[in-house]
Structure formats: structure tokens, C-alpha cells
C-alpha atoms as a PDB file:
ATOM      1  CA  MET A   1      87.882 -14.674   8.175  1.00  0.00           C
ATOM      2  CA  ASN A   2      85.747 -14.794  11.157  1.00  0.00           C
ATOM      3  CA  SER A   3      82.512 -16.644  11.318  1.00  0.00           C
ATOM      4  CA  ILE A   4      79.427 -14.635  12.498  1.00  0.00           C
ATOM      5  CA  ASP A   5      79.562 -16.813  15.603  1.00  0.00           C
ATOM      6  CA  ASP A   6      83.018 -15.591  16.297  1.00  0.00           C
ATOM      7  CA  LEU A   7      82.350 -12.070  15.717  1.00  0.00           C
ATOM      8  CA  LEU A   8      79.180 -12.285  18.168  1.00  0.00           C
ATOM      9  CA  LYS A   9      81.330 -14.091  20.834  1.00  0.00           C
ATOM     10  CA  ASN A  10      84.029 -11.441  20.657  1.00  0.00           C
ATOM     11  CA  SER A  11      81.318  -8.647  20.750  1.00  0.00           C
ATOM     12  CA  ILE A  12      79.785 -10.338  23.893  1.00  0.00           C
ATOM     13  CA  ARG A  13      83.155 -10.419  25.407  1.00  0.00           C
ATOM     14  CA  GLN A  14      83.676  -6.517  24.756  1.00  0.00           C
ATOM     15  CA  TYR A  15      80.195  -5.972  25.805  1.00  0.00           C
ATOM     16  CA  GLU A  16      80.835  -7.941  29.268  1.00  0.00           C
ATOM     17  CA  ASN A  17      84.044  -5.749  29.643  1.00  0.00           C
ATOM     18  CA  LEU A  18      81.962  -2.433  28.852  1.00  0.00           C
ATOM     19  CA  ILE A  19      79.201  -3.522  31.332  1.00  0.00           C
ATOM     20  CA  ASN A  20      81.767  -4.392  34.293  1.00  0.00           C
ATOM     21  CA  VAL A  21      83.205  -0.594  33.576  1.00  0.00           C
ATOM     22  CA  ALA A  22      79.876   1.083  33.619  1.00  0.00           C
ATOM     23  CA  SER A  23      78.596  -1.051  36.439  1.00  0.00           C
ATOM     24  CA  SER A  24      81.883  -0.012  38.631  1.00  0.00           C
ATOM     25  CA  LEU A  25      81.404   3.770  37.606  1.00  0.00           C
ATOM     26  CA  SER A  26      77.778   3.689  38.479  1.00  0.00           C
ATOM     27  CA  ASP A  27      78.188   1.603  41.913  1.00  0.00           C
ATOM     28  CA  ASN A  28      81.044   3.822  43.022  1.00  0.00           C
ATOM     29  CA  LEU A  29      80.197   7.302  41.565  1.00  0.00           C
ATOM     30  CA  VAL A  30      79.337   9.094  44.607  1.00  0.00           C
ATOM     31  CA  SER A  31      82.557   8.266  46.500  1.00  0.00           C
ATOM     32  CA  LEU A  32      84.896   9.134  43.260  1.00  0.00           C
ATOM     33  CA  SER A  33      86.647  12.344  42.754  1.00  0.00           C
ATOM     34  CA  PRO A  34      85.934  14.322  39.766  1.00  0.00           C
ATOM     35  CA  ALA A  35      89.506  13.471  38.217  1.00  0.00           C
ATOM     36  CA  VAL A  36      88.502   9.680  38.725  1.00  0.00           C
ATOM     37  CA  ILE A  37      84.961  10.203  37.468  1.00  0.00           C
ATOM     38  CA  LEU A  38      86.820  11.916  34.231  1.00  0.00           C
ATOM     39  CA  THR A  39      89.095   8.987  33.736  1.00  0.00           C
ATOM     40  CA  GLN A  40      86.561   6.435  33.932  1.00  0.00           C
ATOM     41  CA  CYS A  41      84.268   8.192  31.823  1.00  0.00           C
ATOM     42  CA  GLN A  42      86.939   8.411  28.967  1.00  0.00           C
ATOM     43  CA  GLN A  43      87.620   4.827  29.376  1.00  0.00           C
ATOM     44  CA  LEU A  44      83.816   3.941  29.083  1.00  0.00           C
ATOM     45  CA  SER A  45      83.750   6.206  25.926  1.00  0.00           C
ATOM     46  CA  ALA A  46      86.901   4.435  24.327  1.00  0.00           C
ATOM     47  CA  LEU A  47      85.120   1.011  25.060  1.00  0.00           C
ATOM     48  CA  GLN A  48      81.913   2.145  23.541  1.00  0.00           C
ATOM     49  CA  LYS A  49      83.770   3.593  20.451  1.00  0.00           C
ATOM     50  CA  LYS A  50      85.556   0.345  19.833  1.00  0.00           C
ATOM     51  CA  GLN A  51      82.247  -1.589  20.373  1.00  0.00           C
ATOM     52  CA  ARG A  52      80.387   0.614  17.902  1.00  0.00           C
ATOM     53  CA  ILE A  53      83.190  -0.156  15.334  1.00  0.00           C
ATOM     54  CA  LEU A  54      82.512  -3.991  16.049  1.00  0.00           C
ATOM     55  CA  ASP A  55      78.603  -3.562  15.838  1.00  0.00           C
ATOM     56  CA  ASP A  56      78.945  -1.603  12.688  1.00  0.00           C
ATOM     57  CA  PHE A  57      80.905  -4.468  11.122  1.00  0.00           C
ATOM     58  CA  ILE A  58      78.435  -7.196  12.713  1.00  0.00           C
ATOM     59  CA  ILE A  59      75.541  -5.477  11.076  1.00  0.00           C
ATOM     60  CA  GLU A  60      77.163  -5.646   7.723  1.00  0.00           C
ATOM     61  CA  VAL A  61      77.777  -9.229   7.993  1.00  0.00           C
ATOM     62  CA  ILE A  62      74.396  -9.799   9.038  1.00  0.00           C
ATOM     63  CA  ALA A  63      72.877  -7.715   6.070  1.00  0.00           C
ATOM     64  CA  ASP A  64      75.197  -9.630   3.747  1.00  0.00           C
ATOM     65  CA  SER A  65      74.352 -13.030   5.288  1.00  0.00           C
ATOM     66  CA  GLY A  66      70.669 -12.637   4.983  1.00  0.00           C
ATOM     67  CA  PRO A  67      68.195 -14.503   7.252  1.00  0.00           C
ATOM     68  CA  GLN A  68      70.337 -17.652   8.118  1.00  0.00           C
ATOM     69  CA  VAL A  69      72.282 -15.639  10.535  1.00  0.00           C
ATOM     70  CA  LEU A  70      69.212 -15.695  12.758  1.00  0.00           C
ATOM     71  CA  SER A  71      69.832 -19.379  13.362  1.00  0.00           C
ATOM     72  CA  SER A  72      73.435 -18.316  15.080  1.00  0.00           C
ATOM     73  CA  PRO A  73      73.388 -19.876  18.672  1.00  0.00           C
ATOM     74  CA  ASN A  74      74.957 -16.408  19.800  1.00  0.00           C
ATOM     75  CA  ILE A  75      72.387 -14.078  18.280  1.00  0.00           C
ATOM     76  CA  GLY A  76      70.141 -13.988  20.985  1.00  0.00           C
ATOM     77  CA  ASN A  77      72.828 -13.650  23.723  1.00  0.00           C
ATOM     78  CA  TYR A  78      74.244 -10.701  21.455  1.00  0.00           C
ATOM     79  CA  GLN A  79      70.822  -8.918  21.293  1.00  0.00           C
ATOM     80  CA  ARG A  80      70.310  -9.274  25.015  1.00  0.00           C
ATOM     81  CA  ILE A  81      73.881  -7.841  26.150  1.00  0.00           C
ATOM     82  CA  LEU A  82      73.416  -4.947  23.768  1.00  0.00           C
ATOM     83  CA  GLY A  83      70.144  -4.188  25.413  1.00  0.00           C
ATOM     84  CA  LYS A  84      71.419  -4.504  28.835  1.00  0.00           C
ATOM     85  CA  ALA A  85      74.835  -2.405  27.847  1.00  0.00           C
ATOM     86  CA  SER A  86      72.649   0.119  26.304  1.00  0.00           C
ATOM     87  CA  SER A  87      70.330   0.579  29.442  1.00  0.00           C
ATOM     88  CA  LEU A  88      73.285   0.552  31.847  1.00  0.00           C
ATOM     89  CA  CYS A  89      75.119   3.237  29.932  1.00  0.00           C
ATOM     90  CA  ASP A  90      72.006   5.121  29.640  1.00  0.00           C
ATOM     91  CA  ALA A  91      71.653   4.992  33.551  1.00  0.00           C
ATOM     92  CA  VAL A  92      75.371   5.895  34.021  1.00  0.00           C
ATOM     93  CA  THR A  93      75.215   8.831  31.886  1.00  0.00           C
ATOM     94  CA  VAL A  94      71.997  10.260  33.874  1.00  0.00           C
ATOM     95  CA  LYS A  95      74.174   9.456  37.308  1.00  0.00           C
ATOM     96  CA  VAL A  96      77.060  11.300  36.064  1.00  0.00           C
ATOM     97  CA  LYS A  97      75.062  14.491  34.876  1.00  0.00           C
ATOM     98  CA  ALA A  98      73.451  14.305  38.404  1.00  0.00           C
ATOM     99  CA  ARG A  99      76.675  14.236  40.069  1.00  0.00           C
ATOM    100  CA  LYS A 100      78.289  16.743  37.724  1.00  0.00           C
ATOM    101  CA  TYR A 101      75.549  19.257  38.900  1.00  0.00           C
ATOM    102  CA  GLN A 102      75.817  18.320  42.606  1.00  0.00           C
ATOM    103  CA  LEU A 103      79.447  19.054  42.338  1.00  0.00           C
ATOM    104  CA  LYS A 104      78.684  22.422  40.712  1.00  0.00           C
ATOM    105  CA  ARG A 105      76.373  23.174  43.453  1.00  0.00           C
ATOM    106  CA  GLU A 106      78.948  22.397  46.054  1.00  0.00           C
ATOM    107  CA  ILE A 107      81.380  24.696  44.247  1.00  0.00           C
ATOM    108  CA  ASN A 108      79.025  27.356  44.134  1.00  0.00           C
ATOM    109  CA  THR A 109      78.033  27.021  47.769  1.00  0.00           C
ATOM    110  CA  LEU A 110      82.082  27.164  48.618  1.00  0.00           C
ATOM    111  CA  GLU A 111      82.434  30.473  46.721  1.00  0.00           C
END
């Protein structure tokens, strides 16, 4: 069985990957085709789902472990990257919705 530190390290690595995908999508959104946006949003959604499963398990382990888990050297890193990923994904959602409406307006103009 993995230790809480191993679980947190794994989660941090997964969050770093999720952040990289979300950042790339956010940074390149305007230049991407609708098909590529859809593909990248689906990839991001799959990463979020995978992360959610691990986070649920971590929460169970923390609940079972009690307050001593707070002494883990990785708990602070986990909390910080969780916050960063959450904020970034929220920002990406706003940008993607704005791009969607922009593309809809362009389509309506062409019709």
C-alpha cells in the first residue's frame, strides 16, 4: 500500500500534467480550430476525472489517518497545486465558453 506521501506525490505529478494541458489550451485557444479545442477539452476532462478519483481516495486516507497526516512534507504542496489547478481550470472554462460564443457569432454572421 502506498504511503500518504507517495499518494500526495503522485497526485502532485498528475496535477502538474493537468495544469500543463490547461495552460496550453488557455494560451492557444484563439488560434485553435473548433475540432482541436474539443479534443483538448475532452483530454482535460479525462485528466480531471482521473484526478478526482485520486483526490477522493486521498481524502479517505486523510480522514482515516487523522491529524498526523498534516505533518506530511507534501501536504502543503498538494494544497497549493490543488488551488492552482482549480483556479486555472475555472479560467479555462470561462475562456472556452467565450470562444464558443464568439464562434457562434461568426457562424451567424456568415449565414
